[in-house]
PDB file of N, CA and C in Angstrom:
ATOM      1  N   UNK A   1       0.838  -1.188   0.000  1.00  0.00           N
ATOM      2  CA  UNK A   1       0.000   0.000   0.000  1.00  0.00           C
ATOM      3  C   UNK A   1       0.878   1.245   0.000  1.00  0.00           C
ATOM      4  N   UNK A   2       0.573   2.146  -0.860  1.00  0.00           N
ATOM      5  CA  UNK A   2       1.365   3.366  -0.992  1.00  0.00           C
ATOM      6  C   UNK A   2       0.813   4.480  -0.109  1.00  0.00           C
ATOM      7  N   UNK A   3       1.687   5.417   0.212  1.00  0.00           N
ATOM      8  CA  UNK A   3       1.262   6.620   0.919  1.00  0.00           C
ATOM      9  C   UNK A   3       0.735   7.615  -0.100  1.00  0.00           C
ATOM     10  N   UNK A   4      -0.182   8.456   0.343  1.00  0.00           N
ATOM     11  CA  UNK A   4      -0.649   9.543  -0.504  1.00  0.00           C
ATOM     12  C   UNK A   4      -0.981  10.752   0.356  1.00  0.00           C
ATOM     13  N   UNK A   5      -0.983  11.891  -0.279  1.00  0.00           N
ATOM     14  CA  UNK A   5      -1.236  13.159   0.416  1.00  0.00           C
ATOM     15  C   UNK A   5      -2.681  13.550   0.155  1.00  0.00           C
ATOM     16  N   UNK A   6      -3.412  13.795   1.225  1.00  0.00           N
ATOM     17  CA  UNK A   6      -4.834  14.115   1.118  1.00  0.00           C
ATOM     18  C   UNK A   6      -5.059  15.620   0.996  1.00  0.00           C
ATOM     19  N   UNK A   7      -6.300  15.977   0.904  1.00  0.00           N
ATOM     20  CA  UNK A   7      -6.692  17.383   0.784  1.00  0.00           C
ATOM     21  C   UNK A   7      -6.412  18.179   2.052  1.00  0.00           C
ATOM     22  N   UNK A   8      -6.063  17.509   3.132  1.00  0.00           N
ATOM     23  CA  UNK A   8      -5.731  18.213   4.375  1.00  0.00           C
ATOM     24  C   UNK A   8      -4.362  18.872   4.323  1.00  0.00           C
ATOM     25  N   UNK A   9      -3.611  18.647   3.250  1.00  0.00           N
ATOM     26  CA  UNK A   9      -2.264  19.207   3.115  1.00  0.00           C
ATOM     27  C   UNK A   9      -2.323  20.734   3.105  1.00  0.00           C
ATOM     28  N   UNK A  10      -1.465  21.340   3.922  1.00  0.00           N
ATOM     29  CA  UNK A  10      -1.399  22.797   3.975  1.00  0.00           C
ATOM     30  C   UNK A  10      -0.130  23.321   3.299  1.00  0.00           C
ATOM     31  N   UNK A  11       0.557  22.460   2.582  1.00  0.00           N
ATOM     32  CA  UNK A  11       1.744  22.797   1.801  1.00  0.00           C
ATOM     33  C   UNK A  11       2.806  23.474   2.665  1.00  0.00           C
ATOM     34  N   UNK A  12       3.065  22.912   3.839  1.00  0.00           N
ATOM     35  CA  UNK A  12       4.042  23.498   4.763  1.00  0.00           C
ATOM     36  C   UNK A  12       5.475  23.083   4.439  1.00  0.00           C
ATOM     37  N   UNK A  13       5.648  21.961   3.729  1.00  0.00           N
ATOM     38  CA  UNK A  13       6.970  21.507   3.337  1.00  0.00           C
ATOM     39  C   UNK A  13       7.673  20.608   4.335  1.00  0.00           C
ATOM     40  N   UNK A  14       7.047  20.312   5.454  1.00  0.00           N
ATOM     41  CA  UNK A  14       7.660  19.461   6.472  1.00  0.00           C
ATOM     42  C   UNK A  14       7.970  18.073   5.918  1.00  0.00           C
ATOM     43  N   UNK A  15       7.052  17.495   5.199  1.00  0.00           N
ATOM     44  CA  UNK A  15       7.261  16.159   4.623  1.00  0.00           C
ATOM     45  C   UNK A  15       8.376  16.188   3.581  1.00  0.00           C
ATOM     46  N   UNK A  16       8.404  17.223   2.790  1.00  0.00           N
ATOM     47  CA  UNK A  16       9.417  17.372   1.749  1.00  0.00           C
ATOM     48  C   UNK A  16      10.818  17.409   2.350  1.00  0.00           C
ATOM     49  N   UNK A  17      10.948  18.114   3.475  1.00  0.00           N
ATOM     50  CA  UNK A  17      12.254  18.244   4.131  1.00  0.00           C
ATOM     51  C   UNK A  17      12.731  16.930   4.743  1.00  0.00           C
ATOM     52  N   UNK A  18      11.819  16.109   5.252  1.00  0.00           N
ATOM     53  CA  UNK A  18      12.200  14.907   5.994  1.00  0.00           C
ATOM     54  C   UNK A  18      12.373  13.675   5.102  1.00  0.00           C
ATOM     55  N   UNK A  19      11.807  13.664   3.929  1.00  0.00           N
ATOM     56  CA  UNK A  19      11.827  12.468   3.071  1.00  0.00           C
ATOM     57  C   UNK A  19      13.254  12.064   2.694  1.00  0.00           C
ATOM     58  N   UNK A  20      13.684  10.849   3.093  1.00  0.00           N
ATOM     59  CA  UNK A  20      15.052  10.416   2.816  1.00  0.00           C
ATOM     60  C   UNK A  20      15.316  10.120   1.338  1.00  0.00           C
ATOM     61  N   UNK A  21      14.271   9.843   0.571  1.00  0.00           N
ATOM     62  CA  UNK A  21      14.457   9.544  -0.848  1.00  0.00           C
ATOM     63  C   UNK A  21      14.024  10.700  -1.748  1.00  0.00           C
ATOM     64  N   UNK A  22      13.666  11.817  -1.134  1.00  0.00           N
ATOM     65  CA  UNK A  22      13.201  12.997  -1.877  1.00  0.00           C
ATOM     66  C   UNK A  22      12.051  12.642  -2.824  1.00  0.00           C
ATOM     67  N   UNK A  23      11.118  11.852  -2.305  1.00  0.00           N
ATOM     68  CA  UNK A  23       9.982  11.399  -3.107  1.00  0.00           C
ATOM     69  C   UNK A  23       8.771  12.318  -3.021  1.00  0.00           C
ATOM     70  N   UNK A  24       8.860  13.372  -2.226  1.00  0.00           N
ATOM     71  CA  UNK A  24       7.773  14.346  -2.159  1.00  0.00           C
ATOM     72  C   UNK A  24       8.095  15.406  -3.210  1.00  0.00           C
ATOM     73  N   UNK A  25       7.210  15.557  -4.172  1.00  0.00           N
ATOM     74  CA  UNK A  25       7.461  16.518  -5.242  1.00  0.00           C
ATOM     75  C   UNK A  25       6.328  17.539  -5.329  1.00  0.00           C
ATOM     76  N   UNK A  26       6.653  18.724  -5.795  1.00  0.00           N
ATOM     77  CA  UNK A  26       5.640  19.751  -5.995  1.00  0.00           C
ATOM     78  C   UNK A  26       4.945  19.467  -7.318  1.00  0.00           C
ATOM     79  N   UNK A  27       3.647  19.514  -7.274  1.00  0.00           N
ATOM     80  CA  UNK A  27       2.852  19.269  -8.469  1.00  0.00           C
ATOM     81  C   UNK A  27       1.754  20.314  -8.519  1.00  0.00           C
ATOM     82  N   UNK A  28       1.832  21.191  -9.495  1.00  0.00           N
ATOM     83  CA  UNK A  28       0.910  22.328  -9.594  1.00  0.00           C
ATOM     84  C   UNK A  28       0.901  23.100  -8.278  1.00  0.00           C
ATOM     85  N   UNK A  29      -0.183  23.041  -7.552  1.00  0.00           N
ATOM     86  CA  UNK A  29      -0.307  23.821  -6.316  1.00  0.00           C
ATOM     87  C   UNK A  29      -0.302  22.942  -5.060  1.00  0.00           C
ATOM     88  N   UNK A  30       0.151  21.712  -5.156  1.00  0.00           N
ATOM     89  CA  UNK A  30       0.193  20.822  -3.995  1.00  0.00           C
ATOM     90  C   UNK A  30       1.359  19.856  -4.110  1.00  0.00           C
ATOM     91  N   UNK A  31       1.579  19.065  -3.059  1.00  0.00           N
ATOM     92  CA  UNK A  31       2.628  18.052  -3.060  1.00  0.00           C
ATOM     93  C   UNK A  31       2.064  16.704  -3.481  1.00  0.00           C
ATOM     94  N   UNK A  32       2.933  15.886  -4.049  1.00  0.00           N
ATOM     95  CA  UNK A  32       2.552  14.559  -4.516  1.00  0.00           C
ATOM     96  C   UNK A  32       3.690  13.608  -4.148  1.00  0.00           C
ATOM     97  N   UNK A  33       3.380  12.339  -3.898  1.00  0.00           N
ATOM     98  CA  UNK A  33       4.407  11.355  -3.570  1.00  0.00           C
ATOM     99  C   UNK A  33       4.750  10.570  -4.830  1.00  0.00           C
ATOM    100  N   UNK A  34       6.041  10.584  -5.185  1.00  0.00           N
ATOM    101  CA  UNK A  34       6.510   9.932  -6.412  1.00  0.00           C
ATOM    102  C   UNK A  34       6.640   8.425  -6.223  1.00  0.00           C
ATOM    103  N   UNK A  35       6.838   7.744  -7.328  1.00  0.00           N
ATOM    104  CA  UNK A  35       6.992   6.289  -7.319  1.00  0.00           C
ATOM    105  C   UNK A  35       8.282   5.834  -6.634  1.00  0.00           C
ATOM    106  N   UNK A  36       9.189   6.745  -6.369  1.00  0.00           N
ATOM    107  CA  UNK A  36      10.449   6.395  -5.704  1.00  0.00           C
ATOM    108  C   UNK A  36      10.279   6.217  -4.196  1.00  0.00           C
ATOM    109  N   UNK A  37       9.088   6.440  -3.691  1.00  0.00           N
ATOM    110  CA  UNK A  37       8.795   6.289  -2.255  1.00  0.00           C
ATOM    111  C   UNK A  37       9.083   4.853  -1.807  1.00  0.00           C
ATOM    112  N   UNK A  38       9.800   4.720  -0.686  1.00  0.00           N
ATOM    113  CA  UNK A  38      10.108   3.392  -0.141  1.00  0.00           C
ATOM    114  C   UNK A  38       9.200   3.036   1.033  1.00  0.00           C
ATOM    115  N   UNK A  39       8.179   3.853   1.248  1.00  0.00           N
ATOM    116  CA  UNK A  39       7.162   3.636   2.287  1.00  0.00           C
ATOM    117  C   UNK A  39       7.743   3.534   3.696  1.00  0.00           C
ATOM    118  N   UNK A  40       8.695   4.408   4.001  1.00  0.00           N
ATOM    119  CA  UNK A  40       9.285   4.407   5.341  1.00  0.00           C
ATOM    120  C   UNK A  40       8.366   5.053   6.379  1.00  0.00           C
ATOM    121  N   UNK A  41       7.442   5.916   5.926  1.00  0.00           N
ATOM    122  CA  UNK A  41       6.489   6.541   6.829  1.00  0.00           C
ATOM    123  C   UNK A  41       6.977   7.805   7.517  1.00  0.00           C
ATOM    124  N   UNK A  42       8.184   8.245   7.198  1.00  0.00           N
ATOM    125  CA  UNK A  42       8.726   9.448   7.836  1.00  0.00           C
ATOM    126  C   UNK A  42       7.835  10.661   7.581  1.00  0.00           C
ATOM    127  N   UNK A  43       7.340  10.789   6.379  1.00  0.00           N
ATOM    128  CA  UNK A  43       6.500  11.934   6.025  1.00  0.00           C
ATOM    129  C   UNK A  43       5.203  11.948   6.836  1.00  0.00           C
ATOM    130  N   UNK A  44       4.581  10.800   6.970  1.00  0.00           N
ATOM    131  CA  UNK A  44       3.321  10.709   7.713  1.00  0.00           C
ATOM    132  C   UNK A  44       3.522  11.023   9.193  1.00  0.00           C
ATOM    133  N   UNK A  45       4.665  10.629   9.732  1.00  0.00           N
ATOM    134  CA  UNK A  45       4.928  10.880  11.152  1.00  0.00           C
ATOM    135  C   UNK A  45       5.138  12.354  11.471  1.00  0.00           C
ATOM    136  N   UNK A  46       5.688  13.115  10.528  1.00  0.00           N
ATOM    137  CA  UNK A  46       5.979  14.524  10.817  1.00  0.00           C
ATOM    138  C   UNK A  46       4.915  15.487  10.328  1.00  0.00           C
ATOM    139  N   UNK A  47       3.957  15.012   9.566  1.00  0.00           N
ATOM    140  CA  UNK A  47       2.927  15.902   9.020  1.00  0.00           C
ATOM    141  C   UNK A  47       2.100  16.534  10.140  1.00  0.00           C
ATOM    142  N   UNK A  48       2.096  17.870  10.236  1.00  0.00           N
ATOM    143  CA  UNK A  48       1.362  18.531  11.315  1.00  0.00           C
ATOM    144  C   UNK A  48      -0.154  18.495  11.144  1.00  0.00           C
ATOM    145  N   UNK A  49      -0.606  18.112   9.964  1.00  0.00           N
ATOM    146  CA  UNK A  49      -2.034  18.127   9.688  1.00  0.00           C
ATOM    147  C   UNK A  49      -2.584  16.743   9.359  1.00  0.00           C
ATOM    148  N   UNK A  50      -1.806  15.711   9.651  1.00  0.00           N
ATOM    149  CA  UNK A  50      -2.159  14.314   9.342  1.00  0.00           C
ATOM    150  C   UNK A  50      -2.735  14.168   7.932  1.00  0.00           C
ATOM    151  N   UNK A  51      -2.061  14.805   6.982  1.00  0.00           N
ATOM    152  CA  UNK A  51      -2.532  14.808   5.602  1.00  0.00           C
ATOM    153  C   UNK A  51      -1.948  13.670   4.772  1.00  0.00           C
ATOM    154  N   UNK A  52      -1.037  12.890   5.356  1.00  0.00           N
ATOM    155  CA  UNK A  52      -0.425  11.797   4.615  1.00  0.00           C
ATOM    156  C   UNK A  52      -0.902  10.483   5.208  1.00  0.00           C
ATOM    157  N   UNK A  53      -1.524   9.685   4.373  1.00  0.00           N
ATOM    158  CA  UNK A  53      -2.078   8.420   4.839  1.00  0.00           C
ATOM    159  C   UNK A  53      -1.575   7.269   3.977  1.00  0.00           C
ATOM    160  N   UNK A  54      -1.647   6.092   4.533  1.00  0.00           N
ATOM    161  CA  UNK A  54      -1.249   4.896   3.799  1.00  0.00           C
ATOM    162  C   UNK A  54      -2.511   4.173   3.361  1.00  0.00           C
ATOM    163  N   UNK A  55      -2.536   3.772   2.130  1.00  0.00           N
ATOM    164  CA  UNK A  55      -3.701   3.078   1.604  1.00  0.00           C
ATOM    165  C   UNK A  55      -4.091   3.613   0.256  1.00  0.00           C
ATOM    166  N   UNK A  56      -5.263   3.252  -0.177  1.00  0.00           N
ATOM    167  CA  UNK A  56      -5.754   3.657  -1.470  1.00  0.00           C
ATOM    168  C   UNK A  56      -6.146   5.131  -1.468  1.00  0.00           C
ATOM    169  N   UNK A  57      -5.749   5.826  -2.512  1.00  0.00           N
ATOM    170  CA  UNK A  57      -6.135   7.231  -2.633  1.00  0.00           C
ATOM    171  C   UNK A  57      -7.605   7.310  -2.989  1.00  0.00           C
ATOM    172  N   UNK A  58      -8.339   8.133  -2.260  1.00  0.00           N
ATOM    173  CA  UNK A  58      -9.776   8.207  -2.453  1.00  0.00           C
ATOM    174  C   UNK A  58     -10.207   9.304  -3.409  1.00  0.00           C
ATOM    175  N   UNK A  59      -9.453  10.411  -3.430  1.00  0.00           N
ATOM    176  CA  UNK A  59      -9.854  11.525  -4.259  1.00  0.00           C
ATOM    177  C   UNK A  59      -8.616  12.232  -4.768  1.00  0.00           C
ATOM    178  N   UNK A  60      -8.622  12.610  -6.012  1.00  0.00           N
ATOM    179  CA  UNK A  60      -7.498  13.350  -6.554  1.00  0.00           C
ATOM    180  C   UNK A  60      -7.827  14.831  -6.566  1.00  0.00           C
ATOM    181  N   UNK A  61      -6.798  15.629  -6.437  1.00  0.00           N
ATOM    182  CA  UNK A  61      -6.990  17.072  -6.456  1.00  0.00           C
ATOM    183  C   UNK A  61      -7.032  17.544  -7.902  1.00  0.00           C
ATOM    184  N   UNK A  62      -7.976  18.382  -8.201  1.00  0.00           N
ATOM    185  CA  UNK A  62      -8.108  18.875  -9.558  1.00  0.00           C
ATOM    186  C   UNK A  62      -7.834  20.365  -9.637  1.00  0.00           C
ATOM    187  N   UNK A  63      -7.751  21.027  -8.530  1.00  0.00           N
ATOM    188  CA  UNK A  63      -7.504  22.456  -8.525  1.00  0.00           C
ATOM    189  C   UNK A  63      -7.690  23.010  -7.129  1.00  0.00           C
ATOM    190  N   UNK A  64      -7.339  24.264  -6.937  1.00  0.00           N
ATOM    191  CA  UNK A  64      -7.473  24.851  -5.607  1.00  0.00           C
ATOM    192  C   UNK A  64      -8.934  24.939  -5.184  1.00  0.00           C
ATOM    193  N   UNK A  65      -9.187  24.879  -3.875  1.00  0.00           N
ATOM    194  CA  UNK A  65     -10.568  24.976  -3.411  1.00  0.00           C
ATOM    195  C   UNK A  65     -11.146  26.348  -3.727  1.00  0.00           C
ATOM    196  N   UNK A  66     -12.408  26.381  -3.993  1.00  0.00           N
ATOM    197  CA  UNK A  66     -13.076  27.641  -4.308  1.00  0.00           C
ATOM    198  C   UNK A  66     -13.642  28.232  -3.027  1.00  0.00           C
ATOM    199  N   UNK A  67     -12.879  29.124  -2.418  1.00  0.00           N
ATOM    200  CA  UNK A  67     -13.295  29.737  -1.152  1.00  0.00           C
ATOM    201  C   UNK A  67     -13.840  31.140  -1.344  1.00  0.00           C
ATOM    202  N   UNK A  68     -14.043  31.523  -2.585  1.00  0.00           N
ATOM    203  CA  UNK A  68     -14.588  32.868  -2.827  1.00  0.00           C
ATOM    204  C   UNK A  68     -15.967  32.969  -2.207  1.00  0.00           C
ATOM    205  N   UNK A  69     -16.195  34.048  -1.561  1.00  0.00           N
ATOM    206  CA  UNK A  69     -17.496  34.255  -0.943  1.00  0.00           C
ATOM    207  C   UNK A  69     -17.653  33.619   0.411  1.00  0.00           C
ATOM    208  N   UNK A  70     -16.598  33.029   0.952  1.00  0.00           N
ATOM    209  CA  UNK A  70     -16.682  32.347   2.247  1.00  0.00           C
ATOM    210  C   UNK A  70     -17.052  33.326   3.359  1.00  0.00           C
ATOM    211  N   UNK A  71     -16.623  34.571   3.234  1.00  0.00           N
ATOM    212  CA  UNK A  71     -16.932  35.569   4.253  1.00  0.00           C
ATOM    213  C   UNK A  71     -18.353  36.085   4.153  1.00  0.00           C
ATOM    214  N   UNK A  72     -18.995  35.786   3.062  1.00  0.00           N
ATOM    215  CA  UNK A  72     -20.329  36.315   2.831  1.00  0.00           C
ATOM    216  C   UNK A  72     -21.414  35.257   2.957  1.00  0.00           C
ATOM    217  N   UNK A  73     -21.004  34.064   3.325  1.00  0.00           N
ATOM    218  CA  UNK A  73     -21.968  32.965   3.418  1.00  0.00           C
ATOM    219  C   UNK A  73     -22.852  33.090   4.643  1.00  0.00           C
TER     220      UNK A  73
END
């Protein structure tokens, strides 16, 4: 089972800094885990937002969230 980064990612870079194989890559406006990942779990352990999980990816990111008008809701 591979690790993947969920929508909870706040793009802080903590996982990118700790990855021993440099398998965390920037992709458009978020991070993605490359095929070079050895599943050591270091990224998941240091993630401050528990955005990295092991298992099947449930949803892919297609673009930034649309928060326009959030203050007016």
